[in-house]
Amino acid sequence: MNYWTELSIEYANQRSYLDDLFQVYPTIPEGIRDIDQNLWKEIEEAFLNQDNFQLINQLLKLEKFPLKNGYVSFLRKDPTSLSRNPQTVNRLAGTVYGMGLDRLYEKCTEPKKLS
């Protein structure tokens, strides 16, 4: 094993590693994310009208998409891909509907995770 890796592991196991690490890299959690209220109204309307395309299109405008899905970054980079991939839009929307509006709002406003 690399000498420096070995020292790091030893340090982490014997000392106040996390307390010391916090001194170097303080991690202070942020509050909930803000959502533009006009955008949220459009999301609610699309949700209630079961307009899959509009729902996903509006959710992509948020800082935090409510689902972990590998296709989201592609859809964000190429908004025209929504109309070319209706089955993907329908799958994403189906999962969103299953969450309900309250849970959807919670997921969209979650604070950034500390890593």
C-alpha atoms as a PDB file:
ATOM      1  CA  MET A   1       0.000   0.000   0.000  1.00  0.00           C
ATOM      2  CA  ASN A   2       1.181   3.528  -0.711  1.00  0.00           C
ATOM      3  CA  TYR A   3       2.919   5.088   2.285  1.00  0.00           C
ATOM      4  CA  TRP A   4       0.724   8.226   2.277  1.00  0.00           C
ATOM      5  CA  THR A   5      -2.462   6.207   1.919  1.00  0.00           C
ATOM      6  CA  GLU A   6      -1.383   4.071   4.847  1.00  0.00           C
ATOM      7  CA  LEU A   7      -0.745   7.174   6.970  1.00  0.00           C
ATOM      8  CA  SER A   8      -4.135   8.608   6.029  1.00  0.00           C
ATOM      9  CA  ILE A   9      -5.952   5.424   7.023  1.00  0.00           C
ATOM     10  CA  GLU A  10      -4.043   5.259  10.274  1.00  0.00           C
ATOM     11  CA  TYR A  11      -4.863   8.897  11.018  1.00  0.00           C
ATOM     12  CA  ALA A  12      -8.551   8.385  10.249  1.00  0.00           C
ATOM     13  CA  ASN A  13      -8.740   5.388  12.576  1.00  0.00           C
ATOM     14  CA  GLN A  14      -6.888   6.821  15.571  1.00  0.00           C
ATOM     15  CA  ARG A  15      -7.698  10.486  15.838  1.00  0.00           C
ATOM     16  CA  SER A  16     -10.528  12.952  15.671  1.00  0.00           C
ATOM     17  CA  TYR A  17     -10.416  12.766  11.894  1.00  0.00           C
ATOM     18  CA  LEU A  18     -13.837  14.267  11.137  1.00  0.00           C
ATOM     19  CA  ASP A  19     -13.388  17.085  13.653  1.00  0.00           C
ATOM     20  CA  ASP A  20      -9.990  17.904  12.167  1.00  0.00           C
ATOM     21  CA  LEU A  21     -11.345  17.633   8.635  1.00  0.00           C
ATOM     22  CA  PHE A  22     -14.132  20.063   9.507  1.00  0.00           C
ATOM     23  CA  GLN A  23     -11.486  22.622  10.505  1.00  0.00           C
ATOM     24  CA  VAL A  24     -10.019  22.435   7.004  1.00  0.00           C
ATOM     25  CA  TYR A  25     -13.234  21.913   5.015  1.00  0.00           C
ATOM     26  CA  PRO A  26     -16.206  23.269   6.946  1.00  0.00           C
ATOM     27  CA  THR A  27     -19.464  21.797   5.713  1.00  0.00           C
ATOM     28  CA  ILE A  28     -22.410  23.926   6.612  1.00  0.00           C
ATOM     29  CA  PRO A  29     -25.661  22.661   5.121  1.00  0.00           C
ATOM     30  CA  GLU A  30     -27.618  25.141   3.082  1.00  0.00           C
ATOM     31  CA  GLY A  31     -31.321  25.727   3.538  1.00  0.00           C
ATOM     32  CA  ILE A  32     -33.978  24.529   1.170  1.00  0.00           C
ATOM     33  CA  ARG A  33     -33.731  25.600  -2.463  1.00  0.00           C
ATOM     34  CA  ASP A  34     -35.934  28.417  -3.619  1.00  0.00           C
ATOM     35  CA  ILE A  35     -38.391  27.813  -6.419  1.00  0.00           C
ATOM     36  CA  ASP A  36     -39.802  30.611  -8.524  1.00  0.00           C
ATOM     37  CA  GLN A  37     -43.491  30.667  -7.601  1.00  0.00           C
ATOM     38  CA  ASN A  38     -44.626  31.299 -11.185  1.00  0.00           C
ATOM     39  CA  LEU A  39     -42.678  28.257 -12.342  1.00  0.00           C
ATOM     40  CA  TRP A  40     -44.113  26.186  -9.492  1.00  0.00           C
ATOM     41  CA  LYS A  41     -47.662  27.219 -10.521  1.00  0.00           C
ATOM     42  CA  GLU A  42     -46.928  26.002 -14.051  1.00  0.00           C
ATOM     43  CA  ILE A  43     -45.636  22.712 -12.623  1.00  0.00           C
ATOM     44  CA  GLU A  44     -48.751  22.292 -10.472  1.00  0.00           C
ATOM     45  CA  GLU A  45     -51.001  23.055 -13.434  1.00  0.00           C
ATOM     46  CA  ALA A  46     -49.205  20.545 -15.664  1.00  0.00           C
ATOM     47  CA  PHE A  47     -49.339  17.982 -12.839  1.00  0.00           C
ATOM     48  CA  LEU A  48     -53.075  18.433 -12.278  1.00  0.00           C
ATOM     49  CA  ASN A  49     -53.798  18.395 -16.031  1.00  0.00           C
ATOM     50  CA  GLN A  50     -51.600  15.287 -16.462  1.00  0.00           C
ATOM     51  CA  ASP A  51     -49.668  17.103 -19.218  1.00  0.00           C
ATOM     52  CA  ASN A  52     -46.565  14.916 -19.229  1.00  0.00           C
ATOM     53  CA  PHE A  53     -44.561  16.978 -21.711  1.00  0.00           C
ATOM     54  CA  GLN A  54     -45.230  20.295 -19.963  1.00  0.00           C
ATOM     55  CA  LEU A  55     -44.613  18.791 -16.526  1.00  0.00           C
ATOM     56  CA  ILE A  56     -41.187  17.406 -17.399  1.00  0.00           C
ATOM     57  CA  ASN A  57     -40.302  20.494 -19.428  1.00  0.00           C
ATOM     58  CA  GLN A  58     -41.024  22.763 -16.444  1.00  0.00           C
ATOM     59  CA  LEU A  59     -39.294  20.482 -13.934  1.00  0.00           C
ATOM     60  CA  LEU A  60     -36.142  20.577 -16.063  1.00  0.00           C
ATOM     61  CA  LYS A  61     -36.003  24.336 -15.482  1.00  0.00           C
ATOM     62  CA  LEU A  62     -35.521  23.803 -11.753  1.00  0.00           C
ATOM     63  CA  GLU A  63     -32.087  23.641 -10.170  1.00  0.00           C
ATOM     64  CA  LYS A  64     -32.972  20.239  -8.657  1.00  0.00           C
ATOM     65  CA  PHE A  65     -34.844  17.695 -10.730  1.00  0.00           C
ATOM     66  CA  PRO A  66     -36.936  15.596  -8.313  1.00  0.00           C
ATOM     67  CA  LEU A  67     -35.789  12.209  -9.649  1.00  0.00           C
ATOM     68  CA  LYS A  68     -32.402  10.591  -9.983  1.00  0.00           C
ATOM     69  CA  ASN A  69     -32.290   9.589 -13.609  1.00  0.00           C
ATOM     70  CA  GLY A  70     -29.410   9.355 -16.036  1.00  0.00           C
ATOM     71  CA  TYR A  71     -31.399  10.921 -18.870  1.00  0.00           C
ATOM     72  CA  VAL A  72     -32.077  14.215 -17.108  1.00  0.00           C
ATOM     73  CA  SER A  73     -28.780  15.865 -17.996  1.00  0.00           C
ATOM     74  CA  PHE A  74     -29.277  14.930 -21.663  1.00  0.00           C
ATOM     75  CA  LEU A  75     -32.803  16.346 -21.652  1.00  0.00           C
ATOM     76  CA  ARG A  76     -31.536  19.555 -20.051  1.00  0.00           C
ATOM     77  CA  LYS A  77     -28.815  20.004 -22.650  1.00  0.00           C
ATOM     78  CA  ASP A  78     -31.149  19.350 -25.561  1.00  0.00           C
ATOM     79  CA  PRO A  79     -34.711  20.467 -24.770  1.00  0.00           C
ATOM     80  CA  THR A  80     -35.840  19.420 -28.261  1.00  0.00           C
ATOM     81  CA  SER A  81     -35.139  15.826 -27.215  1.00  0.00           C
ATOM     82  CA  LEU A  82     -38.328  15.882 -25.132  1.00  0.00           C
ATOM     83  CA  SER A  83     -40.514  15.816 -28.227  1.00  0.00           C
ATOM     84  CA  ARG A  84     -38.378  13.090 -29.807  1.00  0.00           C
ATOM     85  CA  ASN A  85     -38.576  10.798 -26.765  1.00  0.00           C
ATOM     86  CA  PRO A  86     -42.215  10.661 -25.675  1.00  0.00           C
ATOM     87  CA  GLN A  87     -41.888   7.290 -23.940  1.00  0.00           C
ATOM     88  CA  THR A  88     -39.062   8.603 -21.755  1.00  0.00           C
ATOM     89  CA  VAL A  89     -41.152  11.673 -20.927  1.00  0.00           C
ATOM     90  CA  ASN A  90     -44.099   9.452 -20.038  1.00  0.00           C
ATOM     91  CA  ARG A  91     -41.952   7.214 -17.800  1.00  0.00           C
ATOM     92  CA  LEU A  92     -40.511  10.201 -15.944  1.00  0.00           C
ATOM     93  CA  ALA A  93     -43.928  11.824 -15.601  1.00  0.00           C
ATOM     94  CA  GLY A  94     -45.451   8.582 -14.306  1.00  0.00           C
ATOM     95  CA  THR A  95     -42.878   8.456 -11.523  1.00  0.00           C
ATOM     96  CA  VAL A  96     -43.506  12.113 -10.700  1.00  0.00           C
ATOM     97  CA  TYR A  97     -47.280  11.562 -10.483  1.00  0.00           C
ATOM     98  CA  GLY A  98     -46.675   8.680  -8.109  1.00  0.00           C
ATOM     99  CA  MET A  99     -44.915  11.063  -5.726  1.00  0.00           C
ATOM    100  CA  GLY A 100     -47.847  13.424  -5.356  1.00  0.00           C
ATOM    101  CA  LEU A 101     -47.518  17.215  -5.304  1.00  0.00           C
ATOM    102  CA  ASP A 102     -46.369  17.550  -1.700  1.00  0.00           C
ATOM    103  CA  ARG A 103     -43.523  15.053  -2.057  1.00  0.00           C
ATOM    104  CA  LEU A 104     -42.641  16.551  -5.434  1.00  0.00           C
ATOM    105  CA  TYR A 105     -42.219  19.975  -3.834  1.00  0.00           C
ATOM    106  CA  GLU A 106     -40.072  18.472  -1.065  1.00  0.00           C
ATOM    107  CA  LYS A 107     -37.785  16.766  -3.582  1.00  0.00           C
ATOM    108  CA  CYS A 108     -37.422  19.919  -5.688  1.00  0.00           C
ATOM    109  CA  THR A 109     -36.485  22.070  -2.690  1.00  0.00           C
ATOM    110  CA  GLU A 110     -34.070  19.665  -0.963  1.00  0.00           C
ATOM    111  CA  PRO A 111     -30.840  21.333   0.140  1.00  0.00           C
ATOM    112  CA  LYS A 112     -27.624  20.435  -1.625  1.00  0.00           C
ATOM    113  CA  LYS A 113     -26.006  17.316  -0.240  1.00  0.00           C
ATOM    114  CA  LEU A 114     -22.703  17.615   1.493  1.00  0.00           C
ATOM    115  CA  SER A 115     -19.950  15.496   0.063  1.00  0.00           C
END
